[in-house]
Every structure is written in structure tokens, then in C-alpha cells.
Amino acid sequence: MTARGGAEKGEARRPVDVLVLSDIHLGTVGCHATELLHYLKSVQPGTLVLNGDIIDCWQFTKWYWPKSHMKVVKRILKLVSAGVPVYYVTGNHDDMLRKFTEQDLGNFHLVNKVVLDLDGKRAWVFHGDVFDVVTKHSRWLARLGGVGYDILILINRFVNWLSELSGHGRISLSKRIKDGVKSAVSFIGDFERTAAAMAIEEGYDYVVCGHIHQPAMREIAGDGGRVMYLNSGDWIENLTALEFHEGQWSLFSYREHESELEKAGQLQEPDEEPTDAALHAELLSATLKFVRPVRHLPVMTGEG
């Protein structure tokens, strides 16, 4: 993975032309919101793409919404109000938002997919649950699977606590299960090949997905050409993001820069508790930006 570290207080944040995040699952116990906040404070994106499953509406409950989760929302709103175009691409866990897609609130755009024009090349960005038959046709089964996944993540955290206490490193139970179950390995491979084949057929240079929580960046050949397949991973297990800067894509791994990002986060001033009034002011500021010219990368939001 190609990645660069964070900035301490007083230093300029690291510029990124396009930042892609997916599968954050705010509102669930598995979400690493504090780590994500450290990362977001270390970069200055020109465009931010939230590629689905940002707020987990399936698992959302009133009793579980930590301050760190609200701080992530506040950070995104700060980017919107500062003039950064933010594209929220809907996923399956936040599919209730799809009835409001193609709506713009200043620099905030709610869409089902987005096409980015990057230095003359086109990137087709969508979450990827369109390929998931279970999600589309058996939502109750998909939700049940989501609950089971959350339980597995909780067990994994306890196992990792014991493992690190005894001097061993982290392990991923879900990754071991995925790697050990042939059907799971086959699904991931089919997902990647299907996304690549569709992108080649439509003439795109890049296809950018989330959904399967498997960070990837590889060129895939198919009938009629080749395409760069990219997946931003997730902020439950992998803690990864996609970055496009100076004409190149890279995968950022928080785990590879954990110590320096945590140190930088501690040196920065702690965020104040975001009140309803503060959030309202952020939204109002974002709305007012709508009447001003916005400087950003060329983006097409029509049919892909």
C-alpha cells in the first residue's frame, strides 16, 4: 500500500485531490470512529466521496451514538461548509436515503452513483450492493447477517485485547472465516470481476466500490479491455481509504500509521461537544455555499 502519514498541530494538512471512504458504519459498536477522526484531521481533500454504509441505518439505535461518531459527522460538515464538494453515495445499510437521491445541499450531494473526471480519465463510483442478491431480495436475511457480523466484531475485539496483552499481534476472525470459506472467496472474486466487466463495457478507466470490506487496487482484464478496480475497504476491520493525488491512486492504511496519527490527534485541540445549534449552523453555512461558485474537480452525476 502507498500511504503518507498525518500532520501535527501547526503543520499543513496533507493535500489529497480525491478521498474515498466507505463502510464506516457509524452507529455500530464495530465502527472505529476515533481512528477515522484522527485520519480526517490529517488530510485536506479537494473532493470527498462517501461511498455507502456511512451511517448504519439497519443497526442504528438511540442508545448507541458515541461522541466520537458525532464528531465524525461534524468533521464532514466542516468540510462541506469550507467549500469541499462531498458526494454521499448510498449503500445498502443507508438505503433509506435513496428516496432522497439527486438532492444537493450546497456542496453536499446525495447520489446513487457518481462519475469523476480525473485528469481526463473517468472513475465510476458506486457502493456495490447492486451485485448482492441477498441484499436485494432477502433483506431480513441480510439484516440477520449484519447482526451476526457485529457480534463477531465484538468477539474479535476481546480476542485481540487478550492477544495484545500476551504480546501477540491483532488477528481478524472474519478474515480467517472469509479466507477459509470457499463460497466467500468465490463471492469476492465474482464481485470484483463483475464490477470490472461492467466498467470495461461502459468505457470507464476506473471502477471504485465498497460493500465487501476488502480493500483492493488492481488492474483487471476482460473482454474488450482493461480497467483499474479499486475498493476502499472499511472502518470496521481494515481501516482503509482510497486517495487520488497528482494523477495516482493509493490505498491508505491507518494501521500502518497508527502511532503517528494518534500522536498528532492528541496534540490537536480536542473538539467541543457538537450541540444541535452548532450542527444547525454548519448546515446553514453549507446551504449558503450553494449560491457561491464552487471550485472542484469536474464531476458528472448522471447515469453511469
Protein backbone atom coordinates (compact mmCIF):
# COMPACT_ATOMS: atom_id res chain seq x y z
CA MET A 1 0.00 0.00 0.00
CA THR A 2 1.17 3.51 -0.75
CA ALA A 3 0.45 5.97 2.02
CA ARG A 4 1.67 9.05 3.78
CA GLY A 5 1.36 9.98 7.43
CA GLY A 6 -0.59 12.68 9.26
CA ALA A 7 0.22 16.24 10.31
CA GLU A 8 0.70 17.54 13.81
CA LYS A 9 -0.88 20.71 15.08
CA GLY A 10 0.59 23.73 13.33
CA GLU A 11 1.57 21.77 10.22
CA ALA A 12 -0.31 21.92 6.95
CA ARG A 13 -2.66 19.01 6.41
CA ARG A 14 -1.66 16.60 3.69
CA PRO A 15 -3.46 17.50 0.44
CA VAL A 16 -5.46 14.80 -1.37
CA ASP A 17 -7.26 15.58 -4.63
CA VAL A 18 -9.97 12.96 -4.07
CA LEU A 19 -10.61 10.97 -0.89
CA VAL A 20 -12.91 7.93 -0.96
CA LEU A 21 -14.29 6.40 2.24
CA SER A 22 -16.85 3.63 2.55
CA ASP A 23 -18.38 1.23 5.07
CA ILE A 24 -17.79 3.39 8.13
CA HIS A 25 -20.98 2.09 9.81
CA LEU A 26 -21.47 4.96 12.22
CA GLY A 27 -23.92 3.92 14.93
CA THR A 28 -22.46 0.44 15.43
CA VAL A 29 -20.06 -0.85 18.07
CA GLY A 30 -17.64 -2.03 15.39
CA CYS A 31 -17.00 1.44 13.96
CA HIS A 32 -13.54 2.88 14.63
CA ALA A 33 -14.74 6.50 14.68
CA THR A 34 -11.87 7.89 16.79
CA GLU A 35 -9.29 6.49 14.40
CA LEU A 36 -11.23 7.86 11.42
CA LEU A 37 -11.37 11.28 13.06
CA HIS A 38 -7.57 11.26 13.50
CA TYR A 39 -7.20 10.42 9.83
CA LEU A 40 -9.66 13.07 8.65
CA LYS A 41 -7.80 15.70 10.66
CA SER A 42 -4.55 14.75 8.92
CA VAL A 43 -5.72 15.37 5.33
CA GLN A 44 -7.19 18.16 3.26
CA PRO A 45 -9.28 16.61 0.47
CA GLY A 46 -10.23 18.54 -2.65
CA THR A 47 -13.26 16.28 -3.06
CA LEU A 48 -14.68 13.76 -0.58
CA VAL A 49 -16.65 10.73 -1.73
CA LEU A 50 -18.54 8.77 0.94
CA ASN A 51 -19.19 5.53 -0.91
CA GLY A 52 -22.03 3.94 1.07
CA ASP A 53 -22.76 2.46 4.50
CA ILE A 54 -21.58 5.62 6.24
CA ILE A 55 -24.39 5.69 8.82
CA ASP A 56 -25.66 2.19 9.54
CA CYS A 57 -29.43 2.70 9.47
CA TRP A 58 -30.01 -1.05 9.86
CA GLN A 59 -28.30 -1.27 13.24
CA PHE A 60 -28.94 2.30 14.42
CA THR A 61 -30.40 2.72 17.92
CA LYS A 62 -30.91 5.79 20.07
CA TRP A 63 -28.94 4.32 22.95
CA TYR A 64 -25.72 3.91 20.97
CA TRP A 65 -24.36 7.07 19.37
CA PRO A 66 -20.99 7.93 20.99
CA LYS A 67 -19.44 11.41 20.90
CA SER A 68 -16.75 10.15 18.53
CA HIS A 69 -19.41 9.21 15.97
CA MET A 70 -20.97 12.67 16.15
CA LYS A 71 -17.52 14.23 15.82
CA VAL A 72 -17.02 12.39 12.51
CA VAL A 73 -20.31 13.85 11.25
CA LYS A 74 -19.24 17.28 12.45
CA ARG A 75 -15.88 16.93 10.68
CA ILE A 76 -17.62 16.11 7.39
CA LEU A 77 -19.95 19.08 7.84
CA LYS A 78 -16.92 21.32 8.39
CA LEU A 79 -15.52 20.18 5.04
CA VAL A 80 -18.86 20.93 3.37
CA SER A 81 -19.06 24.41 4.89
CA ALA A 82 -15.41 25.06 3.91
CA GLY A 83 -16.30 24.56 0.24
CA VAL A 84 -15.21 20.94 -0.24
CA PRO A 85 -17.60 19.04 -2.55
CA VAL A 86 -18.88 15.99 -0.65
CA TYR A 87 -20.66 13.20 -2.53
CA TYR A 88 -22.64 10.79 -0.37
CA VAL A 89 -23.19 7.65 -2.46
CA THR A 90 -25.90 5.49 -0.90
CA GLY A 91 -25.24 1.90 0.15
CA ASN A 92 -27.38 -0.97 1.41
CA HIS A 93 -27.07 -0.09 5.11
CA ASP A 94 -28.15 3.50 4.39
CA ASP A 95 -30.51 2.62 1.54
CA MET A 96 -33.36 4.55 3.20
CA LEU A 97 -31.62 7.66 1.84
CA ARG A 98 -32.12 6.53 -1.75
CA LYS A 99 -35.58 8.09 -1.90
CA PHE A 100 -33.84 11.48 -1.49
CA THR A 101 -31.04 11.00 -4.01
CA GLU A 102 -30.09 13.57 -6.63
CA GLN A 103 -30.55 16.24 -3.97
CA ASP A 104 -27.95 18.97 -3.42
CA LEU A 105 -27.41 20.99 -0.27
CA GLY A 106 -24.72 23.45 -1.19
CA ASN A 107 -21.57 21.38 -1.61
CA PHE A 108 -23.27 18.23 -0.30
CA HIS A 109 -24.63 15.88 -2.98
CA LEU A 110 -26.69 12.76 -2.25
CA VAL A 111 -26.43 10.31 -5.17
CA ASN A 112 -26.67 6.62 -6.02
CA LYS A 113 -23.50 6.75 -8.09
CA VAL A 114 -21.08 9.33 -9.34
CA VAL A 115 -18.63 9.62 -12.25
CA LEU A 116 -15.47 11.62 -11.60
CA ASP A 117 -13.38 13.14 -14.38
CA LEU A 118 -9.81 12.72 -13.11
CA ASP A 119 -7.12 14.16 -15.35
CA GLY A 120 -9.03 13.09 -18.46
CA LYS A 121 -9.86 9.61 -17.12
CA ARG A 122 -13.25 8.58 -15.82
CA ALA A 123 -13.87 6.89 -12.48
CA TRP A 124 -17.21 5.14 -11.95
CA VAL A 125 -18.04 5.17 -8.24
CA PHE A 126 -20.85 3.15 -6.65
CA HIS A 127 -21.25 1.15 -3.44
CA GLY A 128 -21.64 -2.30 -4.99
CA ASP A 129 -24.65 -3.83 -3.22
CA VAL A 130 -26.37 -3.94 -6.61
CA PHE A 131 -24.46 -7.21 -7.13
CA ASP A 132 -25.71 -8.69 -3.84
CA VAL A 133 -28.77 -10.87 -4.47
CA VAL A 134 -29.35 -11.45 -0.74
CA THR A 135 -29.40 -7.74 0.00
CA LYS A 136 -31.81 -7.01 -2.87
CA HIS A 137 -34.27 -9.85 -2.43
CA SER A 138 -33.94 -11.09 1.18
CA ARG A 139 -33.41 -8.02 3.34
CA TRP A 140 -34.34 -9.82 6.55
CA LEU A 141 -31.60 -12.38 5.90
CA ALA A 142 -29.10 -9.62 5.11
CA ARG A 143 -30.01 -7.81 8.34
CA LEU A 144 -29.59 -11.02 10.31
CA GLY A 145 -26.18 -11.46 8.75
CA GLY A 146 -25.32 -7.89 9.76
CA VAL A 147 -26.18 -8.61 13.39
CA GLY A 148 -24.03 -11.74 13.31
CA TYR A 149 -21.15 -9.76 11.82
CA ASP A 150 -21.42 -7.16 14.63
CA ILE A 151 -21.29 -9.92 17.24
CA LEU A 152 -18.23 -11.40 15.53
CA ILE A 153 -16.52 -7.99 15.59
CA LEU A 154 -17.19 -7.67 19.35
CA ILE A 155 -15.74 -11.13 19.97
CA ASN A 156 -12.77 -10.20 17.76
CA ARG A 157 -12.05 -7.09 19.83
CA PHE A 158 -11.96 -9.17 23.03
CA VAL A 159 -9.71 -11.76 21.39
CA ASN A 160 -7.36 -9.01 20.16
CA TRP A 161 -7.24 -7.49 23.66
CA LEU A 162 -6.11 -10.84 25.05
CA SER A 163 -3.72 -11.36 22.14
CA GLU A 164 -2.01 -7.97 22.56
CA LEU A 165 -1.91 -8.46 26.35
CA SER A 166 0.08 -11.64 25.81
CA GLY A 167 2.46 -9.91 23.38
CA HIS A 168 0.95 -11.13 20.14
CA GLY A 169 -0.47 -9.03 17.32
CA ARG A 170 -4.02 -8.49 16.11
CA ILE A 171 -5.93 -11.18 14.28
CA SER A 172 -9.06 -10.90 12.15
CA LEU A 173 -11.60 -13.62 12.81
CA SER A 174 -13.84 -12.50 9.95
CA LYS A 175 -10.89 -12.51 7.52
CA ARG A 176 -9.98 -16.03 8.57
CA ILE A 177 -13.57 -17.11 8.06
CA LYS A 178 -13.73 -15.41 4.65
CA ASP A 179 -10.41 -16.92 3.59
CA GLY A 180 -11.46 -20.34 4.82
CA VAL A 181 -14.90 -20.48 3.26
CA LYS A 182 -14.75 -21.19 -0.47
CA SER A 183 -18.12 -19.56 -1.15
CA ALA A 184 -16.94 -16.29 0.47
CA VAL A 185 -13.73 -16.30 -1.56
CA SER A 186 -15.74 -17.02 -4.71
CA PHE A 187 -18.20 -14.19 -3.95
CA ILE A 188 -15.40 -11.63 -3.56
CA GLY A 189 -13.79 -12.77 -6.80
CA ASP A 190 -17.12 -12.70 -8.65
CA PHE A 191 -17.86 -9.24 -7.25
CA GLU A 192 -14.58 -7.82 -8.50
CA ARG A 193 -14.82 -9.43 -11.93
CA THR A 194 -18.43 -8.32 -12.39
CA ALA A 195 -17.66 -4.72 -11.45
CA ALA A 196 -14.65 -4.71 -13.77
CA ALA A 197 -16.57 -6.24 -16.68
CA MET A 198 -19.35 -3.65 -16.41
CA ALA A 199 -16.83 -0.80 -16.22
CA ILE A 200 -14.96 -2.08 -19.30
CA GLU A 201 -18.22 -2.38 -21.22
CA GLU A 202 -19.15 1.21 -20.34
CA GLY A 203 -15.68 2.53 -21.21
CA TYR A 204 -14.54 3.66 -17.74
CA ASP A 205 -10.89 3.80 -16.71
CA TYR A 206 -11.52 3.15 -13.01
CA VAL A 207 -14.31 1.41 -11.10
CA VAL A 208 -14.48 2.30 -7.39
CA CYS A 209 -16.56 0.21 -4.97
CA GLY A 210 -17.05 -0.59 -1.30
CA HIS A 211 -19.54 -3.04 0.23
CA ILE A 212 -17.39 -6.18 0.59
CA HIS A 213 -14.93 -4.69 3.14
CA GLN A 214 -11.97 -5.85 1.06
CA PRO A 215 -9.50 -3.05 0.22
CA ALA A 216 -8.04 -3.56 -3.23
CA MET A 217 -6.33 -1.78 -6.06
CA ARG A 218 -5.60 -3.89 -9.12
CA GLU A 219 -5.90 -3.86 -12.88
CA ILE A 220 -8.38 -6.40 -14.24
CA ALA A 221 -8.51 -7.54 -17.86
CA GLY A 222 -11.73 -8.59 -19.54
CA ASP A 223 -13.43 -8.86 -22.90
CA GLY A 224 -12.87 -5.55 -24.63
CA GLY A 225 -10.14 -4.04 -22.49
CA ARG A 226 -8.74 -3.45 -19.03
CA VAL A 227 -9.84 -1.38 -16.03
CA MET A 228 -8.40 -0.40 -12.66
CA TYR A 229 -10.57 -1.93 -9.94
CA LEU A 230 -10.45 -0.12 -6.59
CA ASN A 231 -12.14 -0.86 -3.27
CA SER A 232 -11.82 1.46 -0.28
CA GLY A 233 -12.26 -1.31 2.29
CA ASP A 234 -13.91 -0.29 5.57
CA TRP A 235 -13.52 1.30 9.02
CA ILE A 236 -14.59 -1.78 10.95
CA GLU A 237 -11.65 -4.12 10.37
CA ASN A 238 -9.23 -2.78 7.76
CA LEU A 239 -9.38 0.98 8.48
CA THR A 240 -8.50 1.93 4.92
CA ALA A 241 -9.26 4.68 2.42
CA LEU A 242 -8.61 5.41 -1.24
CA GLU A 243 -6.69 8.53 -2.17
CA PHE A 244 -6.21 10.09 -5.61
CA HIS A 245 -3.47 12.72 -5.78
CA GLU A 246 -1.29 14.07 -8.57
CA GLY A 247 -2.71 11.59 -11.05
CA GLN A 248 -2.16 8.47 -8.93
CA TRP A 249 -4.40 6.25 -6.78
CA SER A 250 -3.17 4.82 -3.50
CA LEU A 251 -4.60 2.86 -0.58
CA PHE A 252 -4.16 4.42 2.84
CA SER A 253 -3.97 2.04 5.79
CA TYR A 254 -4.50 3.57 9.23
CA ARG A 255 -2.79 0.59 10.86
CA GLU A 256 0.44 1.39 9.03
CA HIS A 257 0.48 4.91 10.52
CA GLU A 258 -1.42 4.34 13.76
CA SER A 259 1.19 5.67 16.20
CA GLU A 260 1.91 8.92 14.35
CA LEU A 261 -1.76 9.66 13.69
CA GLU A 262 -2.68 9.03 17.34
CA LYS A 263 0.16 11.30 18.45
CA ALA A 264 -0.97 14.04 16.05
CA GLY A 265 -4.55 13.67 17.25
CA GLN A 266 -3.51 14.10 20.87
CA LEU A 267 -1.55 17.25 20.06
CA GLN A 268 -4.53 18.88 18.40
CA GLU A 269 -7.12 20.74 20.39
CA PRO A 270 -9.97 18.41 21.42
CA ASP A 271 -13.27 19.01 19.65
CA GLU A 272 -16.02 20.58 21.68
CA GLU A 273 -19.22 18.65 22.11
CA PRO A 274 -21.25 19.44 18.96
CA THR A 275 -24.58 20.93 20.02
CA ASP A 276 -27.75 20.97 17.94
CA ALA A 277 -27.23 24.71 17.43
CA ALA A 278 -23.68 24.15 16.18
CA LEU A 279 -24.80 21.46 13.73
CA HIS A 280 -27.62 23.73 12.50
CA ALA A 281 -25.08 26.50 11.90
CA GLU A 282 -22.87 24.10 9.92
CA LEU A 283 -25.81 23.07 7.74
CA LEU A 284 -26.85 26.69 7.21
CA SER A 285 -23.30 27.60 6.21
CA ALA A 286 -23.23 24.68 3.76
CA THR A 287 -26.52 25.82 2.24
CA LEU A 288 -25.25 29.37 1.75
CA LYS A 289 -22.27 27.97 -0.17
CA PHE A 290 -24.75 26.90 -2.85
CA VAL A 291 -25.04 30.45 -4.17
CA ARG A 292 -21.26 30.82 -4.45
CA PRO A 293 -19.04 29.34 -7.17
CA VAL A 294 -17.52 26.05 -6.04
CA ARG A 295 -14.00 25.16 -7.16
CA HIS A 296 -13.64 21.40 -7.57
CA LEU A 297 -12.79 18.59 -9.95
CA PRO A 298 -15.19 18.10 -12.89
CA VAL A 299 -17.90 15.67 -11.83
CA MET A 300 -20.81 14.10 -13.72
CA THR A 301 -23.69 12.75 -11.69
CA GLY A 302 -25.86 11.40 -14.47
CA GLU A 303 -26.44 7.81 -15.44
CA GLY A 304 -23.25 5.74 -15.47
